[in-house]
Each structure stands twice: as C-alpha cells, then as structure tokens.
Amino acid sequence: EHAMETLMFTFHKYAGDKNHLGKEDLRALMEKEFPGFLENQRDPMALEKILRDLDQCRDGTVGFQGFFSLVAGLTIACNDYFVLHMKQKGR
C-alpha cells in the first residue's frame, strides 16, 4: 500500500494538469526522482524518446498508466542488474 501511495503521490506532484505529465513535467520528475538514470544516459534525446514511447494519445503527454509503465520498466531493469550482481558475488 505504501508503494502504491508513493507512486500516485509522485505522479500527481509533477503532473501539470493533474492528469498528465507534459515534457517539462516529465523532465522535472526524472531529474528529481531518477537522477542516476538521466546522468547515465549517453543519448541526449533519451527523455524525448521516453515521452514518445509512453505517449499513448500522441498529444505530448504521459498519463498515470504510462508513468507506471516507466517505473515498472526501470524497476525490472534494476532488478535484473541486482540479480546479476548478486550472482557474481556468489550470493
């Protein structure tokens, strides 16, 4: 329940119109909540590509479902890295 509440609060904290994240909303969210992700991107267009991939209505915004897909994808990637790292350490 706490994790769900945190996701909802975070989305609405940055959503400019309270239902969608615009490009600048998404940029602010990523810079504040996922700073390591953006810092490690080699592609300067990474944020634009993320927005395009998550923009289901093709209106330049991301709804809660798209935001949740982003968080889920990042979490899966981090977990995969964590599991690989633990295997390399012999745990």
PDB file of N, CA and C in Angstrom:
ATOM      1  N   GLU A   1       0.817  -1.188   0.000  1.00  0.00           N
ATOM      2  CA  GLU A   1       0.000   0.000   0.000  1.00  0.00           C
ATOM      3  C   GLU A   1       0.863   1.254   0.000  1.00  0.00           C
ATOM      4  N   HIS A   2       1.941   1.224   0.770  1.00  0.00           N
ATOM      5  CA  HIS A   2       2.813   2.397   0.832  1.00  0.00           C
ATOM      6  C   HIS A   2       3.456   2.668  -0.527  1.00  0.00           C
ATOM      7  N   ALA A   3       3.882   1.607  -1.206  1.00  0.00           N
ATOM      8  CA  ALA A   3       4.500   1.775  -2.529  1.00  0.00           C
ATOM      9  C   ALA A   3       3.496   2.365  -3.521  1.00  0.00           C
ATOM     10  N   MET A   4       2.260   1.897  -3.488  1.00  0.00           N
ATOM     11  CA  MET A   4       1.233   2.431  -4.395  1.00  0.00           C
ATOM     12  C   MET A   4       0.970   3.903  -4.093  1.00  0.00           C
ATOM     13  N   GLU A   5       0.888   4.227  -2.828  1.00  0.00           N
ATOM     14  CA  GLU A   5       0.651   5.612  -2.425  1.00  0.00           C
ATOM     15  C   GLU A   5       1.791   6.510  -2.898  1.00  0.00           C
ATOM     16  N   THR A   6       3.011   6.036  -2.767  1.00  0.00           N
ATOM     17  CA  THR A   6       4.168   6.814  -3.197  1.00  0.00           C
ATOM     18  C   THR A   6       4.137   7.062  -4.702  1.00  0.00           C
ATOM     19  N   LEU A   7       3.796   6.037  -5.483  1.00  0.00           N
ATOM     20  CA  LEU A   7       3.698   6.201  -6.937  1.00  0.00           C
ATOM     21  C   LEU A   7       2.631   7.230  -7.303  1.00  0.00           C
ATOM     22  N   MET A   8       1.471   7.130  -6.692  1.00  0.00           N
ATOM     23  CA  MET A   8       0.391   8.069  -7.004  1.00  0.00           C
ATOM     24  C   MET A   8       0.771   9.491  -6.594  1.00  0.00           C
ATOM     25  N   PHE A   9       1.321   9.640  -5.403  1.00  0.00           N
ATOM     26  CA  PHE A   9       1.716  10.962  -4.921  1.00  0.00           C
ATOM     27  C   PHE A   9       2.765  11.576  -5.839  1.00  0.00           C
ATOM     28  N   THR A  10       3.754  10.778  -6.234  1.00  0.00           N
ATOM     29  CA  THR A  10       4.824  11.283  -7.089  1.00  0.00           C
ATOM     30  C   THR A  10       4.279  11.740  -8.436  1.00  0.00           C
ATOM     31  N   PHE A  11       3.419  10.942  -9.051  1.00  0.00           N
ATOM     32  CA  PHE A  11       2.837  11.327 -10.337  1.00  0.00           C
ATOM     33  C   PHE A  11       2.100  12.659 -10.212  1.00  0.00           C
ATOM     34  N   HIS A  12       1.224  12.770  -9.228  1.00  0.00           N
ATOM     35  CA  HIS A  12       0.398  13.973  -9.100  1.00  0.00           C
ATOM     36  C   HIS A  12       1.200  15.189  -8.642  1.00  0.00           C
ATOM     37  N   LYS A  13       2.300  14.959  -7.984  1.00  0.00           N
ATOM     38  CA  LYS A  13       3.185  16.053  -7.582  1.00  0.00           C
ATOM     39  C   LYS A  13       3.748  16.769  -8.807  1.00  0.00           C
ATOM     40  N   TYR A  14       4.027  16.028  -9.871  1.00  0.00           N
ATOM     41  CA  TYR A  14       4.648  16.597 -11.065  1.00  0.00           C
ATOM     42  C   TYR A  14       3.673  16.842 -12.212  1.00  0.00           C
ATOM     43  N   ALA A  15       2.508  16.230 -12.181  1.00  0.00           N
ATOM     44  CA  ALA A  15       1.558  16.361 -13.296  1.00  0.00           C
ATOM     45  C   ALA A  15       1.045  17.796 -13.382  1.00  0.00           C
ATOM     46  N   GLY A  16       1.351  18.453 -14.485  1.00  0.00           N
ATOM     47  CA  GLY A  16       0.977  19.858 -14.666  1.00  0.00           C
ATOM     48  C   GLY A  16      -0.522  20.090 -14.623  1.00  0.00           C
ATOM     49  N   ASP A  17      -1.291  19.224 -15.274  1.00  0.00           N
ATOM     50  CA  ASP A  17      -2.745  19.402 -15.261  1.00  0.00           C
ATOM     51  C   ASP A  17      -3.419  18.388 -14.343  1.00  0.00           C
ATOM     52  N   LYS A  18      -2.636  17.755 -13.513  1.00  0.00           N
ATOM     53  CA  LYS A  18      -3.078  16.777 -12.510  1.00  0.00           C
ATOM     54  C   LYS A  18      -3.520  15.440 -13.092  1.00  0.00           C
ATOM     55  N   ASN A  19      -3.568  15.323 -14.404  1.00  0.00           N
ATOM     56  CA  ASN A  19      -3.909  14.047 -15.021  1.00  0.00           C
ATOM     57  C   ASN A  19      -2.840  13.550 -15.984  1.00  0.00           C
ATOM     58  N   HIS A  20      -1.936  14.450 -16.373  1.00  0.00           N
ATOM     59  CA  HIS A  20      -0.915  14.091 -17.350  1.00  0.00           C
ATOM     60  C   HIS A  20       0.392  14.812 -17.042  1.00  0.00           C
ATOM     61  N   LEU A  21       1.476  14.184 -17.445  1.00  0.00           N
ATOM     62  CA  LEU A  21       2.791  14.806 -17.381  1.00  0.00           C
ATOM     63  C   LEU A  21       3.130  15.322 -18.770  1.00  0.00           C
ATOM     64  N   GLY A  22       3.423  16.605 -18.877  1.00  0.00           N
ATOM     65  CA  GLY A  22       3.942  17.151 -20.121  1.00  0.00           C
ATOM     66  C   GLY A  22       5.444  16.900 -20.175  1.00  0.00           C
ATOM     67  N   LYS A  23       6.078  17.331 -21.237  1.00  0.00           N
ATOM     68  CA  LYS A  23       7.514  17.104 -21.408  1.00  0.00           C
ATOM     69  C   LYS A  23       8.316  17.698 -20.252  1.00  0.00           C
ATOM     70  N   GLU A  24       8.020  18.932 -19.884  1.00  0.00           N
ATOM     71  CA  GLU A  24       8.770  19.570 -18.798  1.00  0.00           C
ATOM     72  C   GLU A  24       8.433  18.950 -17.449  1.00  0.00           C
ATOM     73  N   ASP A  25       7.195  18.510 -17.279  1.00  0.00           N
ATOM     74  CA  ASP A  25       6.821  17.801 -16.049  1.00  0.00           C
ATOM     75  C   ASP A  25       7.626  16.512 -15.927  1.00  0.00           C
ATOM     76  N   LEU A  26       7.692  15.775 -17.037  1.00  0.00           N
ATOM     77  CA  LEU A  26       8.430  14.510 -17.049  1.00  0.00           C
ATOM     78  C   LEU A  26       9.912  14.751 -16.800  1.00  0.00           C
ATOM     79  N   ARG A  27      10.452  15.807 -17.406  1.00  0.00           N
ATOM     80  CA  ARG A  27      11.865  16.143 -17.190  1.00  0.00           C
ATOM     81  C   ARG A  27      12.127  16.436 -15.711  1.00  0.00           C
ATOM     82  N   ALA A  28      11.276  17.248 -15.096  1.00  0.00           N
ATOM     83  CA  ALA A  28      11.448  17.585 -13.677  1.00  0.00           C
ATOM     84  C   ALA A  28      11.354  16.337 -12.809  1.00  0.00           C
ATOM     85  N   LEU A  29      10.391  15.472 -13.101  1.00  0.00           N
ATOM     86  CA  LEU A  29      10.227  14.236 -12.340  1.00  0.00           C
ATOM     87  C   LEU A  29      11.469  13.361 -12.465  1.00  0.00           C
ATOM     88  N   MET A  30      11.941  13.170 -13.690  1.00  0.00           N
ATOM     89  CA  MET A  30      13.107  12.309 -13.911  1.00  0.00           C
ATOM     90  C   MET A  30      14.356  12.885 -13.248  1.00  0.00           C
ATOM     91  N   GLU A  31      14.549  14.204 -13.356  1.00  0.00           N
ATOM     92  CA  GLU A  31      15.731  14.828 -12.754  1.00  0.00           C
ATOM     93  C   GLU A  31      15.718  14.716 -11.236  1.00  0.00           C
ATOM     94  N   LYS A  32      14.552  14.832 -10.635  1.00  0.00           N
ATOM     95  CA  LYS A  32      14.452  14.811  -9.171  1.00  0.00           C
ATOM     96  C   LYS A  32      14.338  13.396  -8.608  1.00  0.00           C
ATOM     97  N   GLU A  33      13.522  12.556  -9.231  1.00  0.00           N
ATOM     98  CA  GLU A  33      13.224  11.237  -8.678  1.00  0.00           C
ATOM     99  C   GLU A  33      14.124  10.122  -9.215  1.00  0.00           C
ATOM    100  N   PHE A  34      14.680  10.308 -10.404  1.00  0.00           N
ATOM    101  CA  PHE A  34      15.545   9.302 -11.031  1.00  0.00           C
ATOM    102  C   PHE A  34      16.820   9.953 -11.563  1.00  0.00           C
ATOM    103  N   PRO A  35      17.553  10.688 -10.727  1.00  0.00           N
ATOM    104  CA  PRO A  35      18.710  11.431 -11.246  1.00  0.00           C
ATOM    105  C   PRO A  35      19.787  10.536 -11.846  1.00  0.00           C
ATOM    106  N   GLY A  36      20.010   9.385 -11.291  1.00  0.00           N
ATOM    107  CA  GLY A  36      21.033   8.479 -11.816  1.00  0.00           C
ATOM    108  C   GLY A  36      20.712   7.991 -13.207  1.00  0.00           C
ATOM    109  N   PHE A  37      19.435   7.808 -13.502  1.00  0.00           N
ATOM    110  CA  PHE A  37      19.034   7.330 -14.821  1.00  0.00           C
ATOM    111  C   PHE A  37      19.422   8.336 -15.897  1.00  0.00           C
ATOM    112  N   LEU A  38      19.078   9.597 -15.698  1.00  0.00           N
ATOM    113  CA  LEU A  38      19.393  10.605 -16.713  1.00  0.00           C
ATOM    114  C   LEU A  38      20.888  10.873 -16.797  1.00  0.00           C
ATOM    115  N   GLU A  39      21.570  10.857 -15.665  1.00  0.00           N
ATOM    116  CA  GLU A  39      23.014  11.104 -15.670  1.00  0.00           C
ATOM    117  C   GLU A  39      23.767  10.042 -16.446  1.00  0.00           C
ATOM    118  N   ASN A  40      23.267   8.818 -16.451  1.00  0.00           N
ATOM    119  CA  ASN A  40      23.956   7.716 -17.119  1.00  0.00           C
ATOM    120  C   ASN A  40      23.525   7.516 -18.567  1.00  0.00           C
ATOM    121  N   GLN A  41      22.643   8.355 -19.067  1.00  0.00           N
ATOM    122  CA  GLN A  41      22.200   8.230 -20.452  1.00  0.00           C
ATOM    123  C   GLN A  41      23.253   8.797 -21.394  1.00  0.00           C
ATOM    124  N   ARG A  42      23.591   8.033 -22.390  1.00  0.00           N
ATOM    125  CA  ARG A  42      24.532   8.505 -23.412  1.00  0.00           C
ATOM    126  C   ARG A  42      23.804   9.249 -24.521  1.00  0.00           C
ATOM    127  N   ASP A  43      22.519   8.996 -24.633  1.00  0.00           N
ATOM    128  CA  ASP A  43      21.713   9.599 -25.691  1.00  0.00           C
ATOM    129  C   ASP A  43      21.080  10.891 -25.179  1.00  0.00           C
ATOM    130  N   PRO A  44      21.448  12.041 -25.733  1.00  0.00           N
ATOM    131  CA  PRO A  44      20.861  13.300 -25.267  1.00  0.00           C
ATOM    132  C   PRO A  44      19.365  13.412 -25.557  1.00  0.00           C
ATOM    133  N   MET A  45      18.857  12.563 -26.422  1.00  0.00           N
ATOM    134  CA  MET A  45      17.435  12.572 -26.763  1.00  0.00           C
ATOM    135  C   MET A  45      16.650  11.526 -25.961  1.00  0.00           C
ATOM    136  N   ALA A  46      17.251  10.957 -24.931  1.00  0.00           N
ATOM    137  CA  ALA A  46      16.622   9.875 -24.172  1.00  0.00           C
ATOM    138  C   ALA A  46      15.256  10.278 -23.625  1.00  0.00           C
ATOM    139  N   LEU A  47      15.164  11.460 -23.045  1.00  0.00           N
ATOM    140  CA  LEU A  47      13.896  11.887 -22.455  1.00  0.00           C
ATOM    141  C   LEU A  47      12.813  12.044 -23.523  1.00  0.00           C
ATOM    142  N   GLU A  48      13.174  12.601 -24.664  1.00  0.00           N
ATOM    143  CA  GLU A  48      12.215  12.754 -25.755  1.00  0.00           C
ATOM    144  C   GLU A  48      11.735  11.389 -26.252  1.00  0.00           C
ATOM    145  N   LYS A  49      12.641  10.428 -26.313  1.00  0.00           N
ATOM    146  CA  LYS A  49      12.274   9.079 -26.754  1.00  0.00           C
ATOM    147  C   LYS A  49      11.352   8.408 -25.744  1.00  0.00           C
ATOM    148  N   ILE A  50      11.638   8.607 -24.469  1.00  0.00           N
ATOM    149  CA  ILE A  50      10.779   8.048 -23.420  1.00  0.00           C
ATOM    150  C   ILE A  50       9.375   8.629 -23.545  1.00  0.00           C
ATOM    151  N   LEU A  51       9.296   9.950 -23.691  1.00  0.00           N
ATOM    152  CA  LEU A  51       7.989  10.594 -23.823  1.00  0.00           C
ATOM    153  C   LEU A  51       7.242  10.054 -25.037  1.00  0.00           C
ATOM    154  N   ARG A  52       7.921   9.936 -26.150  1.00  0.00           N
ATOM    155  CA  ARG A  52       7.281   9.431 -27.370  1.00  0.00           C
ATOM    156  C   ARG A  52       6.777   7.997 -27.175  1.00  0.00           C
ATOM    157  N   ASP A  53       7.586   7.168 -26.512  1.00  0.00           N
ATOM    158  CA  ASP A  53       7.191   5.773 -26.289  1.00  0.00           C
ATOM    159  C   ASP A  53       5.995   5.643 -25.346  1.00  0.00           C
ATOM    160  N   LEU A  54       5.893   6.539 -24.375  1.00  0.00           N
ATOM    161  CA  LEU A  54       4.836   6.444 -23.367  1.00  0.00           C
ATOM    162  C   LEU A  54       3.584   7.239 -23.717  1.00  0.00           C
ATOM    163  N   ASP A  55       3.671   8.088 -24.717  1.00  0.00           N
ATOM    164  CA  ASP A  55       2.573   8.974 -25.106  1.00  0.00           C
ATOM    165  C   ASP A  55       1.529   8.202 -25.904  1.00  0.00           C
ATOM    166  N   GLN A  56       0.599   7.576 -25.200  1.00  0.00           N
ATOM    167  CA  GLN A  56      -0.408   6.724 -25.836  1.00  0.00           C
ATOM    168  C   GLN A  56      -1.380   7.503 -26.716  1.00  0.00           C
ATOM    169  N   CYS A  57      -1.717   8.712 -26.339  1.00  0.00           N
ATOM    170  CA  CYS A  57      -2.691   9.506 -27.096  1.00  0.00           C
ATOM    171  C   CYS A  57      -2.030  10.370 -28.173  1.00  0.00           C
ATOM    172  N   ARG A  58      -0.722  10.359 -28.225  1.00  0.00           N
ATOM    173  CA  ARG A  58       0.042  11.166 -29.186  1.00  0.00           C
ATOM    174  C   ARG A  58      -0.273  12.658 -29.061  1.00  0.00           C
ATOM    175  N   ASP A  59      -0.356  13.103 -27.807  1.00  0.00           N
ATOM    176  CA  ASP A  59      -0.633  14.514 -27.560  1.00  0.00           C
ATOM    177  C   ASP A  59       0.493  15.200 -26.788  1.00  0.00           C
ATOM    178  N   GLY A  60       1.634  14.523 -26.675  1.00  0.00           N
ATOM    179  CA  GLY A  60       2.780  15.112 -25.986  1.00  0.00           C
ATOM    180  C   GLY A  60       2.721  15.004 -24.479  1.00  0.00           C
ATOM    181  N   THR A  61       1.859  14.127 -23.968  1.00  0.00           N
ATOM    182  CA  THR A  61       1.742  13.956 -22.520  1.00  0.00           C
ATOM    183  C   THR A  61       1.772  12.476 -22.154  1.00  0.00           C
ATOM    184  N   VAL A  62       2.001  12.234 -20.870  1.00  0.00           N
ATOM    185  CA  VAL A  62       2.017  10.870 -20.335  1.00  0.00           C
ATOM    186  C   VAL A  62       1.022  10.812 -19.185  1.00  0.00           C
ATOM    187  N   GLY A  63       0.092   9.871 -19.256  1.00  0.00           N
ATOM    188  CA  GLY A  63      -0.867   9.670 -18.176  1.00  0.00           C
ATOM    189  C   GLY A  63      -0.281   8.770 -17.098  1.00  0.00           C
ATOM    190  N   PHE A  64      -1.089   8.492 -16.087  1.00  0.00           N
ATOM    191  CA  PHE A  64      -0.607   7.667 -14.979  1.00  0.00           C
ATOM    192  C   PHE A  64      -0.199   6.280 -15.450  1.00  0.00           C
ATOM    193  N   GLN A  65      -0.947   5.704 -16.382  1.00  0.00           N
ATOM    194  CA  GLN A  65      -0.605   4.367 -16.872  1.00  0.00           C
ATOM    195  C   GLN A  65       0.769   4.366 -17.541  1.00  0.00           C
ATOM    196  N   GLY A  66       1.067   5.382 -18.331  1.00  0.00           N
ATOM    197  CA  GLY A  66       2.377   5.483 -18.960  1.00  0.00           C
ATOM    198  C   GLY A  66       3.480   5.674 -17.932  1.00  0.00           C
ATOM    199  N   PHE A  67       3.212   6.518 -16.933  1.00  0.00           N
ATOM    200  CA  PHE A  67       4.173   6.724 -15.855  1.00  0.00           C
ATOM    201  C   PHE A  67       4.442   5.417 -15.125  1.00  0.00           C
ATOM    202  N   PHE A  68       3.370   4.673 -14.850  1.00  0.00           N
ATOM    203  CA  PHE A  68       3.528   3.399 -14.158  1.00  0.00           C
ATOM    204  C   PHE A  68       4.342   2.425 -15.008  1.00  0.00           C
ATOM    205  N   SER A  69       4.114   2.416 -16.315  1.00  0.00           N
ATOM    206  CA  SER A  69       4.900   1.560 -17.211  1.00  0.00           C
ATOM    207  C   SER A  69       6.375   1.927 -17.159  1.00  0.00           C
ATOM    208  N   LEU A  70       6.662   3.220 -17.100  1.00  0.00           N
ATOM    209  CA  LEU A  70       8.049   3.677 -16.997  1.00  0.00           C
ATOM    210  C   LEU A  70       8.685   3.172 -15.708  1.00  0.00           C
ATOM    211  N   VAL A  71       8.004   3.363 -14.593  1.00  0.00           N
ATOM    212  CA  VAL A  71       8.535   2.922 -13.299  1.00  0.00           C
ATOM    213  C   VAL A  71       8.713   1.406 -13.283  1.00  0.00           C
ATOM    214  N   ALA A  72       7.744   0.682 -13.823  1.00  0.00           N
ATOM    215  CA  ALA A  72       7.847  -0.779 -13.862  1.00  0.00           C
ATOM    216  C   ALA A  72       9.040  -1.210 -14.704  1.00  0.00           C
ATOM    217  N   GLY A  73       9.220  -0.602 -15.863  1.00  0.00           N
ATOM    218  CA  GLY A  73      10.348  -0.946 -16.725  1.00  0.00           C
ATOM    219  C   GLY A  73      11.684  -0.665 -16.062  1.00  0.00           C
ATOM    220  N   LEU A  74      11.804   0.490 -15.421  1.00  0.00           N
ATOM    221  CA  LEU A  74      13.048   0.825 -14.719  1.00  0.00           C
ATOM    222  C   LEU A  74      13.296  -0.131 -13.558  1.00  0.00           C
ATOM    223  N   THR A  75      12.238  -0.500 -12.852  1.00  0.00           N
ATOM    224  CA  THR A  75      12.368  -1.422 -11.724  1.00  0.00           C
ATOM    225  C   THR A  75      12.803  -2.802 -12.189  1.00  0.00           C
ATOM    226  N   ILE A  76      12.241  -3.274 -13.285  1.00  0.00           N
ATOM    227  CA  ILE A  76      12.636  -4.572 -13.835  1.00  0.00           C
ATOM    228  C   ILE A  76      14.101  -4.550 -14.243  1.00  0.00           C
ATOM    229  N   ALA A  77      14.527  -3.487 -14.914  1.00  0.00           N
ATOM    230  CA  ALA A  77      15.928  -3.381 -15.334  1.00  0.00           C
ATOM    231  C   ALA A  77      16.860  -3.347 -14.123  1.00  0.00           C
ATOM    232  N   CYS A  78      16.484  -2.604 -13.095  1.00  0.00           N
ATOM    233  CA  CYS A  78      17.308  -2.543 -11.883  1.00  0.00           C
ATOM    234  C   CYS A  78      17.359  -3.894 -11.183  1.00  0.00           C
ATOM    235  N   ASN A  79      16.239  -4.588 -11.140  1.00  0.00           N
ATOM    236  CA  ASN A  79      16.217  -5.904 -10.517  1.00  0.00           C
ATOM    237  C   ASN A  79      17.097  -6.883 -11.286  1.00  0.00           C
ATOM    238  N   ASP A  80      17.027  -6.856 -12.609  1.00  0.00           N
ATOM    239  CA  ASP A  80      17.873  -7.736 -13.421  1.00  0.00           C
ATOM    240  C   ASP A  80      19.346  -7.483 -13.123  1.00  0.00           C
ATOM    241  N   TYR A  81      19.723  -6.200 -13.029  1.00  0.00           N
ATOM    242  CA  TYR A  81      21.104  -5.848 -12.713  1.00  0.00           C
ATOM    243  C   TYR A  81      21.466  -6.329 -11.304  1.00  0.00           C
ATOM    244  N   PHE A  82      20.568  -6.144 -10.353  1.00  0.00           N
ATOM    245  CA  PHE A  82      20.800  -6.564  -8.975  1.00  0.00           C
ATOM    246  C   PHE A  82      21.018  -8.070  -8.896  1.00  0.00           C
ATOM    247  N   VAL A  83      20.165  -8.844  -9.563  1.00  0.00           N
ATOM    248  CA  VAL A  83      20.280 -10.308  -9.550  1.00  0.00           C
ATOM    249  C   VAL A  83      21.607 -10.735 -10.165  1.00  0.00           C
ATOM    250  N   LEU A  84      21.978 -10.140 -11.282  1.00  0.00           N
ATOM    251  CA  LEU A  84      23.253 -10.457 -11.923  1.00  0.00           C
ATOM    252  C   LEU A  84      24.421 -10.124 -10.995  1.00  0.00           C
ATOM    253  N   HIS A  85      24.346  -8.976 -10.355  1.00  0.00           N
ATOM    254  CA  HIS A  85      25.400  -8.553  -9.427  1.00  0.00           C
ATOM    255  C   HIS A  85      25.518  -9.525  -8.251  1.00  0.00           C
ATOM    256  N   MET A  86      24.392  -9.976  -7.726  1.00  0.00           N
ATOM    257  CA  MET A  86      24.412 -10.912  -6.603  1.00  0.00           C
ATOM    258  C   MET A  86      24.974 -12.265  -7.035  1.00  0.00           C
ATOM    259  N   LYS A  87      24.666 -12.712  -8.240  1.00  0.00           N
ATOM    260  CA  LYS A  87      25.222 -13.971  -8.744  1.00  0.00           C
ATOM    261  C   LYS A  87      26.734 -13.873  -8.875  1.00  0.00           C
ATOM    262  N   GLN A  88      27.211 -12.734  -9.330  1.00  0.00           N
ATOM    263  CA  GLN A  88      28.651 -12.544  -9.483  1.00  0.00           C
ATOM    264  C   GLN A  88      29.357 -12.535  -8.138  1.00  0.00           C
ATOM    265  N   LYS A  89      28.662 -12.106  -7.105  1.00  0.00           N
ATOM    266  CA  LYS A  89      29.229 -12.104  -5.756  1.00  0.00           C
ATOM    267  C   LYS A  89      29.077 -13.457  -5.079  1.00  0.00           C
ATOM    268  N   GLY A  90      28.357 -14.377  -5.724  1.00  0.00           N
ATOM    269  CA  GLY A  90      28.172 -15.704  -5.163  1.00  0.00           C
ATOM    270  C   GLY A  90      27.073 -15.805  -4.134  1.00  0.00           C
ATOM    271  N   ARG A  91      26.115 -14.916  -4.181  1.00  0.00           N
ATOM    272  CA  ARG A  91      25.007 -14.936  -3.206  1.00  0.00           C
ATOM    273  C   ARG A  91      23.767 -15.498  -3.814  1.00  0.00           C
TER     274      ARG A  91
END
